C-alpha atoms as a PDB file:
ATOM      1  CA  MET A   1      19.093   0.235  17.732  1.00  0.00           C
ATOM      2  CA  THR A   2      17.432   1.290  14.479  1.00  0.00           C
ATOM      3  CA  THR A   3      13.683   1.453  13.886  1.00  0.00           C
ATOM      4  CA  GLN A   4      13.920  -1.589  11.596  1.00  0.00           C
ATOM      5  CA  GLU A   5      15.561  -3.567  14.397  1.00  0.00           C
ATOM      6  CA  ARG A   6      13.219  -2.323  17.143  1.00  0.00           C
ATOM      7  CA  LEU A   7       9.956  -2.952  15.310  1.00  0.00           C
ATOM      8  CA  PRO A   8       9.943  -6.782  15.338  1.00  0.00           C
ATOM      9  CA  LEU A   9      10.963  -6.741  19.010  1.00  0.00           C
ATOM     10  CA  LEU A  10       8.142  -4.336  19.861  1.00  0.00           C
ATOM     11  CA  LEU A  11       5.558  -6.327  17.909  1.00  0.00           C
ATOM     12  CA  SER A  12       6.660  -9.437  19.758  1.00  0.00           C
ATOM     13  CA  ALA A  13       6.453  -7.593  23.091  1.00  0.00           C
ATOM     14  CA  VAL A  14       2.913  -6.425  22.255  1.00  0.00           C
ATOM     15  CA  ARG A  15       1.868  -9.985  21.410  1.00  0.00           C
ATOM     16  CA  ARG A  16       3.230 -11.124  24.785  1.00  0.00           C
ATOM     17  CA  GLY A  17       1.306  -8.343  26.534  1.00  0.00           C
ATOM     18  CA  GLU A  18       4.342  -6.564  27.972  1.00  0.00           C
ATOM     19  CA  ALA A  19       3.565  -3.334  29.801  1.00  0.00           C
ATOM     20  CA  GLY A  20       4.369  -0.197  27.809  1.00  0.00           C
ATOM     21  CA  ALA A  21       4.993  -2.056  24.547  1.00  0.00           C
ATOM     22  CA  VAL A  22       1.780  -0.785  22.950  1.00  0.00           C
ATOM     23  CA  ASP A  23       2.624   2.839  23.701  1.00  0.00           C
ATOM     24  CA  GLU A  24       6.187   2.426  22.461  1.00  0.00           C
ATOM     25  CA  LEU A  25       4.967   0.763  19.251  1.00  0.00           C
ATOM     26  CA  PHE A  26       2.427   3.519  18.698  1.00  0.00           C
ATOM     27  CA  GLY A  27       5.114   6.159  19.266  1.00  0.00           C
ATOM     28  CA  LEU A  28       7.461   4.465  16.841  1.00  0.00           C
ATOM     29  CA  LEU A  29       4.828   4.084  14.087  1.00  0.00           C
ATOM     30  CA  TYR A  30       2.899   7.310  14.748  1.00  0.00           C
ATOM     31  CA  PRO A  31       4.327   9.116  11.669  1.00  0.00           C
ATOM     32  CA  ASP A  32       3.454   6.126   9.472  1.00  0.00           C
ATOM     33  CA  LEU A  33      -0.054   5.928  10.946  1.00  0.00           C
ATOM     34  CA  ARG A  34      -0.580   9.672  10.369  1.00  0.00           C
ATOM     35  CA  GLN A  35       0.519   9.263   6.759  1.00  0.00           C
ATOM     36  CA  LEU A  36      -1.854   6.315   6.377  1.00  0.00           C
ATOM     37  CA  ALA A  37      -4.751   8.303   7.881  1.00  0.00           C
ATOM     38  CA  HIS A  38      -3.978  11.387   5.825  1.00  0.00           C
ATOM     39  CA  SER A  39      -3.921   9.296   2.655  1.00  0.00           C
ATOM     40  CA  ARG A  40      -7.252   7.697   3.618  1.00  0.00           C
ATOM     41  CA  LEU A  41      -8.954  11.018   4.246  1.00  0.00           C
ATOM     42  CA  ARG A  42      -7.485  12.624   1.130  1.00  0.00           C
ATOM     43  CA  ARG A  43      -8.953   9.860  -1.039  1.00  0.00           C
ATOM     44  CA  SER A  44     -12.523  10.431   0.094  1.00  0.00           C
ATOM     45  CA  GLY A  45     -12.443  14.167   0.686  1.00  0.00           C
ATOM     46  CA  ARG A  46     -12.439  15.686   4.130  1.00  0.00           C
ATOM     47  CA  PHE A  47     -15.245  15.009   6.543  1.00  0.00           C
ATOM     48  CA  THR A  48     -15.919  18.099   8.612  1.00  0.00           C
ATOM     49  CA  LEU A  49     -15.463  16.393  11.995  1.00  0.00           C
ATOM     50  CA  LEU A  50     -12.936  13.692  11.144  1.00  0.00           C
ATOM     51  CA  ASP A  51      -9.329  14.669  10.555  1.00  0.00           C
ATOM     52  CA  THR A  52      -5.999  12.865  10.421  1.00  0.00           C
ATOM     53  CA  THR A  53      -5.283  13.133  14.133  1.00  0.00           C
ATOM     54  CA  VAL A  54      -8.758  11.981  15.150  1.00  0.00           C
ATOM     55  CA  LEU A  55      -8.577   9.035  12.744  1.00  0.00           C
ATOM     56  CA  VAL A  56      -5.136   7.973  14.037  1.00  0.00           C
ATOM     57  CA  HIS A  57      -6.146   8.230  17.685  1.00  0.00           C
ATOM     58  CA  GLU A  58      -9.482   6.466  17.233  1.00  0.00           C
ATOM     59  CA  SER A  59      -7.702   3.742  15.272  1.00  0.00           C
ATOM     60  CA  TYR A  60      -5.119   3.427  18.047  1.00  0.00           C
ATOM     61  CA  LEU A  61      -7.883   2.886  20.595  1.00  0.00           C
ATOM     62  CA  ARG A  62      -9.497   0.212  18.431  1.00  0.00           C
ATOM     63  CA  LEU A  63      -6.206  -1.423  17.455  1.00  0.00           C
ATOM     64  CA  PHE A  64      -5.254  -2.139  21.005  1.00  0.00           C
ATOM     65  CA  LYS A  65      -8.635  -2.409  22.699  1.00  0.00           C
ATOM     66  CA  ALA A  66      -8.753  -6.131  21.983  1.00  0.00           C
ATOM     67  CA  GLY A  67      -5.405  -6.581  23.724  1.00  0.00           C
ATOM     68  CA  THR A  68      -3.936  -8.874  21.083  1.00  0.00           C
ATOM     69  CA  LEU A  69      -2.037  -8.125  17.925  1.00  0.00           C
ATOM     70  CA  GLU A  70      -1.012 -10.844  15.496  1.00  0.00           C
ATOM     71  CA  ALA A  71       1.129  -8.727  13.164  1.00  0.00           C
ATOM     72  CA  GLY A  72       4.639 -10.073  12.789  1.00  0.00           C
ATOM     73  CA  ASP A  73       6.157  -7.226  10.790  1.00  0.00           C
ATOM     74  CA  ARG A  74       5.573  -3.612   9.778  1.00  0.00           C
ATOM     75  CA  GLY A  75       3.641  -4.545   6.618  1.00  0.00           C
ATOM     76  CA  GLN A  76       1.209  -6.780   8.474  1.00  0.00           C
ATOM     77  CA  PHE A  77       0.744  -4.145  11.165  1.00  0.00           C
ATOM     78  CA  MET A  78       0.012  -1.440   8.579  1.00  0.00           C
ATOM     79  CA  ALA A  79      -2.436  -3.769   6.791  1.00  0.00           C
ATOM     80  CA  TYR A  80      -4.235  -4.300  10.079  1.00  0.00           C
ATOM     81  CA  ALA A  81      -4.188  -0.553  10.754  1.00  0.00           C
ATOM     82  CA  ALA A  82      -5.723   0.058   7.302  1.00  0.00           C
ATOM     83  CA  ARG A  83      -8.569  -2.333   8.137  1.00  0.00           C
ATOM     84  CA  VAL A  84      -9.171  -0.568  11.439  1.00  0.00           C
ATOM     85  CA  MET A  85      -9.137   2.862   9.771  1.00  0.00           C
ATOM     86  CA  ARG A  86     -11.694   1.632   7.268  1.00  0.00           C
ATOM     87  CA  SER A  87     -14.000   0.598  10.104  1.00  0.00           C
ATOM     88  CA  VAL A  88     -13.527   3.952  11.860  1.00  0.00           C
ATOM     89  CA  VAL A  89     -14.401   5.897   8.696  1.00  0.00           C
ATOM     90  CA  VAL A  90     -17.434   3.701   7.928  1.00  0.00           C
ATOM     91  CA  ASP A  91     -18.709   3.933  11.510  1.00  0.00           C
ATOM     92  CA  PHE A  92     -18.244   7.703  11.424  1.00  0.00           C
ATOM     93  CA  ALA A  93     -20.186   8.023   8.160  1.00  0.00           C
ATOM     94  CA  ARG A  94     -22.987   5.844   9.514  1.00  0.00           C
ATOM     95  CA  SER A  95     -23.254   7.785  12.766  1.00  0.00           C
ATOM     96  CA  ARG A  96     -23.320  11.107  10.895  1.00  0.00           C
ATOM     97  CA  GLY A  97     -26.109   9.746   8.704  1.00  0.00           C
ATOM     98  CA  ALA A  98     -28.054   8.573  11.759  1.00  0.00           C
ATOM     99  CA  GLU A  99     -27.673  11.998  13.380  1.00  0.00           C
ATOM    100  CA  ARG A 100     -28.936  13.705  10.233  1.00  0.00           C
ATOM    101  CA  ARG A 101     -31.963  11.430  10.246  1.00  0.00           C
ATOM    102  CA  GLY A 102     -32.736  12.279  13.862  1.00  0.00           C
ATOM    103  CA  GLY A 103     -30.658   9.684  15.722  1.00  0.00           C
ATOM    104  CA  ASP A 104     -32.849   7.888  18.242  1.00  0.00           C
ATOM    105  CA  ALA A 105     -35.754  10.305  17.807  1.00  0.00           C
ATOM    106  CA  ILE A 106     -39.096   8.982  16.619  1.00  0.00           C
ATOM    107  CA  ARG A 107     -39.085   9.118  12.838  1.00  0.00           C
ATOM    108  CA  VAL A 108     -41.888  10.624  10.815  1.00  0.00           C
ATOM    109  CA  GLU A 109     -41.219  10.594   7.076  1.00  0.00           C
ATOM    110  CA  LEU A 110     -42.268  13.859   5.503  1.00  0.00           C
ATOM    111  CA  GLU A 111     -40.535  13.341   2.223  1.00  0.00           C
ATOM    112  CA  GLU A 112     -38.852  10.328   0.631  1.00  0.00           C
ATOM    113  CA  GLY A 113     -35.665  12.292  -0.140  1.00  0.00           C
ATOM    114  CA  LEU A 114     -34.996  13.091   3.515  1.00  0.00           C
ATOM    115  CA  ALA A 115     -33.838   9.553   4.222  1.00  0.00           C
ATOM    116  CA  GLU A 116     -30.967  10.095   1.808  1.00  0.00           C
ATOM    117  CA  ALA A 117     -29.570  13.117   3.633  1.00  0.00           C
ATOM    118  CA  LEU A 118     -26.024  11.742   3.793  1.00  0.00           C
ATOM    119  CA  ASP A 119     -23.200  13.759   2.325  1.00  0.00           C
ATOM    120  CA  PRO A 120     -22.321  12.201  -1.072  1.00  0.00           C
ATOM    121  CA  ARG A 121     -18.792  11.327   0.144  1.00  0.00           C
ATOM    122  CA  GLU A 122     -20.172   9.613   3.232  1.00  0.00           C
ATOM    123  CA  ARG A 123     -22.714   7.751   1.116  1.00  0.00           C
ATOM    124  CA  GLU A 124     -19.858   6.615  -1.160  1.00  0.00           C
ATOM    125  CA  VAL A 125     -17.870   5.292   1.819  1.00  0.00           C
ATOM    126  CA  ILE A 126     -20.860   3.250   2.984  1.00  0.00           C
ATOM    127  CA  ARG A 127     -21.575   1.941  -0.523  1.00  0.00           C
ATOM    128  CA  ILE A 128     -17.944   0.873  -0.930  1.00  0.00           C
ATOM    129  CA  HIS A 129     -18.031  -0.776   2.489  1.00  0.00           C
ATOM    130  CA  GLU A 130     -21.165  -2.739   1.574  1.00  0.00           C
ATOM    131  CA  ALA A 131     -19.651  -3.776  -1.764  1.00  0.00           C
ATOM    132  CA  LEU A 132     -16.506  -4.926   0.063  1.00  0.00           C
ATOM    133  CA  GLU A 133     -18.621  -7.021   2.425  1.00  0.00           C
ATOM    134  CA  GLU A 134     -20.127  -8.691  -0.630  1.00  0.00           C
ATOM    135  CA  LEU A 135     -16.673  -9.158  -2.172  1.00  0.00           C
ATOM    136  CA  ALA A 136     -15.442 -10.750   1.082  1.00  0.00           C
ATOM    137  CA  THR A 137     -17.877 -13.614   0.531  1.00  0.00           C
ATOM    138  CA  ILE A 138     -16.155 -14.268  -2.807  1.00  0.00           C
ATOM    139  CA  ASP A 139     -12.463 -13.547  -2.092  1.00  0.00           C
ATOM    140  CA  GLU A 140     -11.209 -12.152   1.217  1.00  0.00           C
ATOM    141  CA  ARG A 141      -7.741 -11.420  -0.180  1.00  0.00           C
ATOM    142  CA  LEU A 142      -9.197  -8.996  -2.735  1.00  0.00           C
ATOM    143  CA  VAL A 143     -10.795  -7.091   0.143  1.00  0.00           C
ATOM    144  CA  ARG A 144      -7.425  -6.852   1.947  1.00  0.00           C
ATOM    145  CA  VAL A 145      -5.843  -5.474  -1.225  1.00  0.00           C
ATOM    146  CA  VAL A 146      -8.578  -2.845  -1.559  1.00  0.00           C
ATOM    147  CA  GLU A 147      -8.260  -1.865   2.111  1.00  0.00           C
ATOM    148  CA  MET A 148      -4.543  -1.350   1.764  1.00  0.00           C
ATOM    149  CA  ARG A 149      -4.624   0.358  -1.634  1.00  0.00           C
ATOM    150  CA  TYR A 150      -7.820   2.444  -1.400  1.00  0.00           C
ATOM    151  CA  PHE A 151      -8.271   3.019   2.307  1.00  0.00           C
ATOM    152  CA  ALA A 152      -4.591   3.214   3.287  1.00  0.00           C
ATOM    153  CA  GLY A 153      -3.032   4.461   0.059  1.00  0.00           C
ATOM    154  CA  MET A 154      -0.331   1.793   0.138  1.00  0.00           C
ATOM    155  CA  THR A 155       1.656   1.025  -2.999  1.00  0.00           C
ATOM    156  CA  GLU A 156       1.521  -2.343  -4.747  1.00  0.00           C
ATOM    157  CA  GLU A 157       4.986  -3.089  -3.373  1.00  0.00           C
ATOM    158  CA  GLN A 158       3.878  -2.325   0.208  1.00  0.00           C
ATOM    159  CA  VAL A 159       0.767  -4.477  -0.192  1.00  0.00           C
ATOM    160  CA  ALA A 160       2.812  -7.307  -1.668  1.00  0.00           C
ATOM    161  CA  GLU A 161       5.175  -7.180   1.297  1.00  0.00           C
ATOM    162  CA  ALA A 162       2.336  -7.091   3.837  1.00  0.00           C
ATOM    163  CA  LEU A 163       0.452  -9.994   2.256  1.00  0.00           C
ATOM    164  CA  GLU A 164       3.595 -11.899   1.282  1.00  0.00           C
ATOM    165  CA  LEU A 165       2.634 -11.954  -2.393  1.00  0.00           C
ATOM    166  CA  SER A 166       4.354 -10.950  -5.593  1.00  0.00           C
ATOM    167  CA  ARG A 167       3.759  -7.418  -6.851  1.00  0.00           C
ATOM    168  CA  ARG A 168       2.166  -8.924  -9.969  1.00  0.00           C
ATOM    169  CA  SER A 169      -0.346 -10.908  -7.871  1.00  0.00           C
ATOM    170  CA  VAL A 170      -1.280  -7.730  -6.052  1.00  0.00           C
ATOM    171  CA  ALA A 171      -1.723  -5.893  -9.360  1.00  0.00           C
ATOM    172  CA  ARG A 172      -4.034  -8.656 -10.631  1.00  0.00           C
ATOM    173  CA  ASP A 173      -6.006  -8.707  -7.373  1.00  0.00           C
ATOM    174  CA  TRP A 174      -6.333  -4.909  -7.435  1.00  0.00           C
ATOM    175  CA  GLU A 175      -7.653  -5.027 -10.997  1.00  0.00           C
ATOM    176  CA  LYS A 176     -10.152  -7.805 -10.168  1.00  0.00           C
ATOM    177  CA  ALA A 177     -11.364  -5.937  -7.107  1.00  0.00           C
ATOM    178  CA  ARG A 178     -11.726  -2.671  -9.005  1.00  0.00           C
ATOM    179  CA  LEU A 179     -13.801  -4.396 -11.711  1.00  0.00           C
ATOM    180  CA  PHE A 180     -16.018  -6.008  -9.087  1.00  0.00           C
ATOM    181  CA  LEU A 181     -16.495  -2.696  -7.268  1.00  0.00           C
ATOM    182  CA  ALA A 182     -17.207  -0.798 -10.480  1.00  0.00           C
ATOM    183  CA  THR A 183     -19.949  -3.274 -11.294  1.00  0.00           C
ATOM    184  CA  ALA A 184     -21.322  -3.351  -7.736  1.00  0.00           C
ATOM    185  CA  LEU A 185     -21.387   0.444  -7.426  1.00  0.00           C
ATOM    186  CA  ASP A 186     -23.145   1.127 -10.734  1.00  0.00           C
END
């Protein structure tokens, strides 16, 4: 049985909670998830402690921690994986920033600039995340397009397939989202 034939069966088995289905699905899609993670990290520059393997494995833990998966095909699964990877990267950037500011230690401000000790790339990830949260209140679909294009490095065709839209609709959504983000991040 080919990968294309096995994937819908595995996704269905995961939704039904069959034993071993999650591991088999992860094994089948591991190369795709690594490519997705590598693309995500390449877009924002490398974080010193977060690499492709760590991002894939942390995403795997989060993907299946809830125990349910509603993806019906590869595109929907990869879209969901992109969303999870975004949350992993944002959480990582936030925790690194908290550590730099002393974590749970009692804070005493010595200088205003110390509070902004985040690496510029990490600060950018958090700013984009906050802008996407604002965009979600306006149009959730635009956020999904950004997650898949920016965070996962998916092509317009892949996004269109995952969201069941035309490629042209995805291109328009991507342009709208980019304009919103450019304005929000200025």
